[in-house]
């Protein structure tokens, strides 16, 4: 329970805030309770969508210095709550509507339906960017020639062998993007492809920064530099997970502030889960938990990239990811603790 005290306290204040937000916009107790309920639903959806994110966060966080761990849990929380759940949606609408962010904020506050319409109109580009980044995260994990622990061997062993081919994951990603864009209407395929390539370039840039910072002698200073690179990677990863949830939340409510509260509660619990996984050494005790998380990430990426053809409700997406991680957990119980892969 100690890992979730802060999240529980934030949840209480957040739900109270959502009640008053609902009362302000609706003017009745019924509307206030409805807003509180919606915020709670959004929080649960965010946790289910991001459970695998917590596992991946833990796999990176365990290699960071204590200083950068704390920064991830403090600075990272500020970025997650205000950056991704408030500023990011405002910037999207500002770009789409060609207005400044403050005007977008006024639009969200006083014309939420019009704001939501603009936000949803950018879903294709947002999904392409976030889906591509997450696809690269998953492919880079499986196309790793040094990976020795395999769960689904008939998939992972050949992938590890192919990982010896330079940049094979990038080639696969580009083929996926080009194939999907080929089936989109002409007015959508270009923006989808550009956004997807932007996601690919972002992954390469973040990965490159990490490799550059780690390519030095093993001193405490260099460990801090490497941890800083991991921090950047985790923030971009969190953003990619947030994209679909932020845009998808507008299908439930058009009120940006209720969305921010609900998703932020979920973000706090994801951070709490991350800390628990690190301190309990869950990835060492459960051999395939990390594998399951990356399969879930790959599945989420596929859902985001194919959204123009087949849309899944957010709760279905979250349920699929949770089932994959649960199966990996149960499989891990059969195997027992794993040794470090080194």
Protein backbone atom coordinates (compact mmCIF):
# COMPACT_ATOMS: atom_id res chain seq x y z
CA UNK A 1 0.00 0.00 0.00
CA UNK A 2 2.92 2.37 0.69
CA UNK A 3 3.59 2.64 -3.04
CA UNK A 4 0.10 3.97 -3.74
CA UNK A 5 -0.45 6.46 -0.89
CA UNK A 6 0.49 9.48 -3.00
CA UNK A 7 -1.65 8.25 -5.89
CA UNK A 8 -4.64 7.70 -3.60
CA UNK A 9 -4.31 11.19 -2.10
CA UNK A 10 -4.06 12.74 -5.58
CA UNK A 11 -7.07 10.68 -6.70
CA UNK A 12 -9.21 12.01 -3.83
CA UNK A 13 -8.36 15.63 -4.62
CA UNK A 14 -8.71 14.97 -8.35
CA UNK A 15 -12.17 13.44 -8.04
CA UNK A 16 -13.29 16.29 -5.79
CA UNK A 17 -11.99 18.74 -8.41
CA UNK A 18 -13.86 16.88 -11.17
CA UNK A 19 -17.06 17.17 -9.12
CA UNK A 20 -16.74 20.95 -8.95
CA UNK A 21 -15.75 21.17 -12.63
CA UNK A 22 -18.89 19.25 -13.53
CA UNK A 23 -21.00 21.46 -11.31
CA UNK A 24 -19.48 24.60 -12.85
CA UNK A 25 -20.28 23.51 -16.41
CA UNK A 26 -23.53 21.65 -15.73
CA UNK A 27 -24.95 23.66 -12.86
CA UNK A 28 -26.52 20.64 -11.13
CA UNK A 29 -25.48 17.97 -8.66
CA UNK A 30 -26.32 15.30 -11.24
CA UNK A 31 -23.87 16.84 -13.73
CA UNK A 32 -21.25 17.12 -11.00
CA UNK A 33 -21.59 13.42 -10.12
CA UNK A 34 -21.50 12.54 -13.81
CA UNK A 35 -18.19 14.41 -14.18
CA UNK A 36 -16.80 12.61 -11.12
CA UNK A 37 -17.81 9.25 -12.59
CA UNK A 38 -16.29 10.08 -16.00
CA UNK A 39 -12.99 11.10 -14.36
CA UNK A 40 -12.92 7.78 -12.47
CA UNK A 41 -13.61 5.83 -15.68
CA UNK A 42 -10.86 7.70 -17.53
CA UNK A 43 -8.43 6.93 -14.69
CA UNK A 44 -9.21 3.19 -14.88
CA UNK A 45 -8.83 3.24 -18.68
CA UNK A 46 -5.49 5.04 -18.41
CA UNK A 47 -4.17 2.47 -15.93
CA UNK A 48 -5.31 -0.46 -18.08
CA UNK A 49 -3.79 1.11 -21.21
CA UNK A 50 -0.52 1.94 -19.47
CA UNK A 51 0.09 -1.10 -17.24
CA UNK A 52 2.62 -2.39 -19.73
CA UNK A 53 4.14 1.09 -19.78
CA UNK A 54 4.85 0.73 -16.04
CA UNK A 55 6.70 -2.54 -16.67
CA UNK A 56 8.84 -1.03 -19.41
CA UNK A 57 9.47 2.04 -17.24
CA UNK A 58 10.70 -0.29 -14.50
CA UNK A 59 13.06 -2.09 -16.88
CA UNK A 60 14.70 1.26 -17.72
CA UNK A 61 14.42 2.87 -14.29
CA UNK A 62 16.37 0.07 -12.58
CA UNK A 63 19.47 1.13 -14.57
CA UNK A 64 19.18 4.83 -13.71
CA UNK A 65 21.01 6.61 -10.91
CA UNK A 66 19.04 7.46 -7.78
CA UNK A 67 19.09 11.16 -8.67
CA UNK A 68 17.51 10.59 -12.08
CA UNK A 69 15.00 8.12 -10.65
CA UNK A 70 13.75 10.87 -8.35
CA UNK A 71 13.69 13.33 -11.24
CA UNK A 72 11.62 10.92 -13.29
CA UNK A 73 9.15 10.61 -10.43
CA UNK A 74 8.99 14.40 -9.87
CA UNK A 75 9.83 16.28 -13.06
CA UNK A 76 8.43 13.40 -15.08
CA UNK A 77 5.14 13.61 -13.18
CA UNK A 78 4.83 17.33 -13.92
CA UNK A 79 5.48 16.65 -17.62
CA UNK A 80 3.00 13.77 -17.62
CA UNK A 81 0.21 15.67 -15.86
CA UNK A 82 0.51 19.16 -17.29
CA UNK A 83 2.57 18.54 -20.42
CA UNK A 84 0.79 15.54 -21.94
CA UNK A 85 -2.68 15.93 -20.40
CA UNK A 86 -3.08 19.71 -20.82
CA UNK A 87 -0.42 21.39 -22.97
CA UNK A 88 -0.24 18.67 -25.62
CA UNK A 89 -3.99 18.69 -26.47
CA UNK A 90 -3.91 22.50 -26.57
CA UNK A 91 -0.96 22.46 -28.98
CA UNK A 92 -2.73 19.99 -31.28
CA UNK A 93 -5.81 22.21 -31.49
CA UNK A 94 -3.63 25.29 -31.89
CA UNK A 95 -1.90 23.72 -34.90
CA UNK A 96 -5.11 22.35 -36.46
CA UNK A 97 -7.08 25.57 -35.99
CA UNK A 98 -4.02 27.79 -36.65
CA UNK A 99 -4.49 29.71 -33.42
CA UNK A 100 -2.25 30.38 -30.41
CA UNK A 101 -2.32 27.99 -27.41
CA UNK A 102 -4.08 30.56 -25.19
CA UNK A 103 -6.90 30.85 -27.72
CA UNK A 104 -7.07 27.04 -27.76
CA UNK A 105 -7.38 27.09 -23.96
CA UNK A 106 -10.27 29.59 -24.18
CA UNK A 107 -11.88 27.37 -26.81
CA UNK A 108 -11.60 24.37 -24.46
CA UNK A 109 -13.04 26.37 -21.57
CA UNK A 110 -15.94 28.09 -23.33
CA UNK A 111 -16.62 26.04 -26.49
CA UNK A 112 -15.73 22.44 -25.51
CA UNK A 113 -17.69 20.82 -28.36
CA UNK A 114 -15.86 22.87 -30.99
CA UNK A 115 -12.56 22.19 -29.25
CA UNK A 116 -13.23 18.42 -29.16
CA UNK A 117 -14.11 18.40 -32.85
CA UNK A 118 -10.74 19.96 -33.73
CA UNK A 119 -8.92 17.58 -31.37
CA UNK A 120 -10.53 14.47 -32.85
CA UNK A 121 -9.81 15.69 -36.39
CA UNK A 122 -6.08 15.27 -35.68
CA UNK A 123 -6.45 11.67 -34.51
CA UNK A 124 -4.99 10.13 -37.68
CA UNK A 125 -1.71 12.04 -37.42
CA UNK A 126 -1.45 11.58 -33.65
CA UNK A 127 -2.08 7.82 -33.90
CA UNK A 128 0.44 7.46 -36.74
CA UNK A 129 3.16 9.26 -34.76
CA UNK A 130 2.54 7.48 -31.45
CA UNK A 131 1.87 4.10 -33.05
CA UNK A 132 5.12 4.22 -35.02
CA UNK A 133 7.18 5.17 -31.98
CA UNK A 134 5.66 2.32 -29.97
CA UNK A 135 6.16 -0.09 -32.87
CA UNK A 136 9.85 0.79 -32.91
CA UNK A 137 10.03 0.25 -29.14
CA UNK A 138 8.58 -3.26 -29.52
CA UNK A 139 10.61 -4.20 -32.61
CA UNK A 140 13.87 -3.01 -31.03
CA UNK A 141 13.22 -5.30 -28.08
CA UNK A 142 12.56 -8.41 -30.14
CA UNK A 143 15.12 -7.71 -32.91
CA UNK A 144 17.93 -7.76 -30.34
CA UNK A 145 20.66 -10.22 -31.27
CA UNK A 146 21.93 -10.23 -27.66
CA UNK A 147 18.55 -11.22 -26.21
CA UNK A 148 18.84 -14.71 -24.72
CA UNK A 149 15.65 -15.11 -22.66
CA UNK A 150 12.70 -16.01 -24.89
CA UNK A 151 9.05 -16.56 -24.06
CA UNK A 152 7.35 -17.43 -27.37
CA UNK A 153 10.41 -19.03 -28.90
CA UNK A 154 9.09 -19.58 -32.45
CA UNK A 155 8.66 -15.80 -32.73
CA UNK A 156 11.50 -14.49 -30.62
CA UNK A 157 14.40 -16.74 -31.62
CA UNK A 158 14.12 -15.94 -35.37
CA UNK A 159 13.64 -12.26 -34.49
CA UNK A 160 16.83 -12.29 -32.40
CA UNK A 161 18.72 -13.87 -35.31
CA UNK A 162 17.36 -11.25 -37.72
CA UNK A 163 18.47 -8.64 -35.21
CA UNK A 164 22.02 -9.18 -36.44
CA UNK A 165 20.97 -7.37 -39.63
CA UNK A 166 21.68 -3.67 -39.23
CA UNK A 167 18.55 -1.53 -38.75
CA UNK A 168 16.17 -4.40 -39.56
CA UNK A 169 13.52 -2.95 -37.22
CA UNK A 170 13.57 0.34 -39.13
CA UNK A 171 13.09 -1.49 -42.42
CA UNK A 172 10.14 -3.45 -41.02
CA UNK A 173 8.60 -0.26 -39.62
CA UNK A 174 8.88 1.60 -42.95
CA UNK A 175 7.32 -1.33 -44.80
CA UNK A 176 4.41 -1.33 -42.34
CA UNK A 177 3.86 2.43 -42.75
CA UNK A 178 4.02 2.34 -46.55
CA UNK A 179 1.68 -0.65 -46.71
CA UNK A 180 -0.94 0.94 -44.47
CA UNK A 181 -0.73 4.32 -46.22
CA UNK A 182 -1.28 2.59 -49.57
CA UNK A 183 -4.81 1.62 -48.49
CA UNK A 184 -5.76 5.05 -47.15
CA UNK A 185 -7.60 7.68 -49.20
CA UNK A 186 -5.29 10.00 -51.10
CA UNK A 187 -6.06 12.98 -48.85
CA UNK A 188 -5.03 10.96 -45.76
CA UNK A 189 -2.15 8.76 -46.87
CA UNK A 190 0.44 11.55 -47.11
CA UNK A 191 -0.27 12.97 -43.64
CA UNK A 192 -0.30 9.45 -42.18
CA UNK A 193 3.06 8.63 -43.76
CA UNK A 194 4.67 11.93 -42.73
CA UNK A 195 3.44 11.58 -39.14
CA UNK A 196 4.59 7.97 -39.00
CA UNK A 197 8.05 8.86 -40.32
CA UNK A 198 8.20 11.66 -37.74
CA UNK A 199 7.57 9.05 -35.04
CA UNK A 200 10.33 6.87 -36.50
CA UNK A 201 12.78 9.78 -36.63
CA UNK A 202 11.92 10.70 -33.04
CA UNK A 203 12.69 7.16 -31.88
CA UNK A 204 16.00 7.12 -33.77
CA UNK A 205 16.92 10.53 -32.33
CA UNK A 206 16.10 9.54 -28.74
CA UNK A 207 17.86 6.19 -29.13
CA UNK A 208 20.85 7.95 -30.67
CA UNK A 209 21.10 10.39 -27.77
CA UNK A 210 21.12 7.45 -25.37
CA UNK A 211 23.83 5.61 -27.33
CA UNK A 212 25.96 8.77 -27.49
CA UNK A 213 25.72 9.41 -23.77
CA UNK A 214 26.56 5.80 -22.93
CA UNK A 215 29.57 5.62 -25.28
CA UNK A 216 32.01 6.86 -22.62
CA UNK A 217 33.98 5.46 -19.71
CA UNK A 218 32.07 4.00 -16.80
CA UNK A 219 32.28 6.89 -14.31
CA UNK A 220 29.60 8.38 -12.10
CA UNK A 221 29.43 11.42 -14.39
CA UNK A 222 28.82 9.18 -17.39
CA UNK A 223 26.19 7.21 -15.47
CA UNK A 224 24.34 10.48 -14.87
CA UNK A 225 24.57 11.30 -18.58
CA UNK A 226 23.23 7.87 -19.50
CA UNK A 227 20.45 8.26 -16.94
CA UNK A 228 19.54 11.63 -18.46
CA UNK A 229 19.18 9.93 -21.84
CA UNK A 230 16.98 7.24 -20.26
CA UNK A 231 14.86 10.02 -18.74
CA UNK A 232 14.28 11.52 -22.20
CA UNK A 233 13.43 8.07 -23.59
CA UNK A 234 10.89 7.40 -20.82
CA UNK A 235 9.21 10.78 -21.31
CA UNK A 236 8.81 10.23 -25.05
CA UNK A 237 7.58 6.69 -24.37
CA UNK A 238 5.02 8.01 -21.89
CA UNK A 239 3.93 10.59 -24.44
CA UNK A 240 3.42 7.89 -27.07
CA UNK A 241 1.28 5.88 -24.67
CA UNK A 242 -0.69 9.02 -23.85
CA UNK A 243 -1.50 10.02 -27.44
CA UNK A 244 -4.26 7.50 -28.04
CA UNK A 245 -5.68 7.86 -24.56
CA UNK A 246 -5.83 11.66 -24.71
CA UNK A 247 -7.53 11.75 -28.11
CA UNK A 248 -9.76 8.78 -27.33
CA UNK A 249 -10.95 10.41 -24.10
CA UNK A 250 -12.83 12.99 -26.15
CA UNK A 251 -15.19 10.20 -27.23
CA UNK A 252 -16.27 10.01 -23.57
CA UNK A 253 -16.37 13.71 -22.68
CA UNK A 254 -15.56 16.98 -24.45
CA UNK A 255 -14.37 18.68 -21.26
CA UNK A 256 -10.57 19.01 -21.40
CA UNK A 257 -10.29 19.62 -17.65
CA UNK A 258 -12.16 16.46 -16.67
CA UNK A 259 -10.00 14.55 -19.14
CA UNK A 260 -6.88 16.04 -17.59
CA UNK A 261 -7.98 15.05 -14.08
CA UNK A 262 -8.97 11.50 -15.01
CA UNK A 263 -5.87 10.72 -17.08
CA UNK A 264 -3.59 12.35 -14.50
CA UNK A 265 -4.97 10.06 -11.78
CA UNK A 266 -4.10 7.14 -14.05
CA UNK A 267 -0.62 8.56 -14.66
CA UNK A 268 0.03 8.75 -10.90
CA UNK A 269 -0.91 5.10 -10.44
CA UNK A 270 1.33 4.09 -13.36
CA UNK A 271 4.25 5.83 -11.62
CA UNK A 272 3.38 4.03 -8.37
CA UNK A 273 3.34 0.69 -10.20
CA UNK A 274 6.73 1.53 -11.74
CA UNK A 275 8.28 2.14 -8.33
CA UNK A 276 6.79 -1.07 -6.96
CA UNK A 277 8.09 -3.13 -9.89
CA UNK A 278 11.61 -1.71 -9.41
CA UNK A 279 11.81 -2.11 -5.63
CA UNK A 280 10.18 -5.55 -5.63
CA UNK A 281 12.48 -6.64 -8.51
CA UNK A 282 9.42 -7.94 -10.35
CA UNK A 283 11.26 -8.27 -13.67
CA UNK A 284 13.78 -10.63 -12.04
CA UNK A 285 11.19 -12.68 -10.18
CA UNK A 286 8.86 -13.04 -13.17
CA UNK A 287 10.83 -14.07 -16.25
CA UNK A 288 8.31 -13.22 -18.97
CA UNK A 289 6.66 -10.12 -17.49
CA UNK A 290 8.87 -7.82 -19.56
CA UNK A 291 8.23 -9.91 -22.69
CA UNK A 292 4.49 -9.62 -22.14
CA UNK A 293 4.78 -5.84 -21.77
CA UNK A 294 6.55 -5.51 -25.12
CA UNK A 295 4.02 -7.79 -26.82
CA UNK A 296 1.30 -5.54 -25.38
CA UNK A 297 3.16 -2.46 -26.67
CA UNK A 298 3.39 -4.02 -30.13
CA UNK A 299 -0.33 -4.79 -30.02
CA UNK A 300 -1.15 -1.22 -28.98
CA UNK A 301 1.03 0.08 -31.81
CA UNK A 302 -0.82 -2.14 -34.31
CA UNK A 303 -4.19 -0.93 -33.00
CA UNK A 304 -3.12 2.72 -33.30
CA UNK A 305 -1.72 2.31 -36.80
CA UNK A 306 -4.75 0.42 -38.12
CA UNK A 307 -7.25 2.76 -36.47
CA UNK A 308 -8.23 4.33 -39.85
CA UNK A 309 -9.68 0.94 -40.84
CA UNK A 310 -10.69 -0.68 -37.57
CA UNK A 311 -11.39 1.30 -34.41
CA UNK A 312 -11.30 -0.41 -31.03
CA UNK A 313 -12.84 1.29 -27.98
CA UNK A 314 -10.21 2.31 -25.43
CA UNK A 315 -11.49 -0.24 -22.90
CA UNK A 316 -10.99 -3.06 -25.42
CA UNK A 317 -7.44 -1.89 -26.13
CA UNK A 318 -6.69 -1.76 -22.42
CA UNK A 319 -8.23 -5.19 -21.85
CA UNK A 320 -6.14 -6.78 -24.63
CA UNK A 321 -2.92 -5.38 -23.14
CA UNK A 322 -3.90 -6.47 -19.62
CA UNK A 323 -4.68 -10.02 -20.80
CA UNK A 324 -1.30 -10.32 -22.56
CA UNK A 325 0.56 -9.14 -19.45
CA UNK A 326 -1.53 -11.46 -17.24
CA UNK A 327 -0.71 -14.47 -19.43
CA UNK A 328 3.00 -13.54 -19.30
CA UNK A 329 2.76 -13.28 -15.50
CA UNK A 330 1.10 -16.71 -15.16
CA UNK A 331 3.66 -18.23 -17.53
CA UNK A 332 6.41 -16.70 -15.39
CA UNK A 333 5.03 -18.39 -12.28
CA UNK A 334 5.53 -21.76 -14.00
CA UNK A 335 9.12 -20.98 -14.88
CA UNK A 336 10.24 -19.29 -11.66
CA UNK A 337 12.80 -16.49 -11.17
CA UNK A 338 15.05 -15.59 -14.09
CA UNK A 339 18.69 -14.74 -14.12
CA UNK A 340 19.89 -11.38 -15.34
CA UNK A 341 20.49 -11.35 -19.05
CA UNK A 342 23.52 -9.13 -18.65
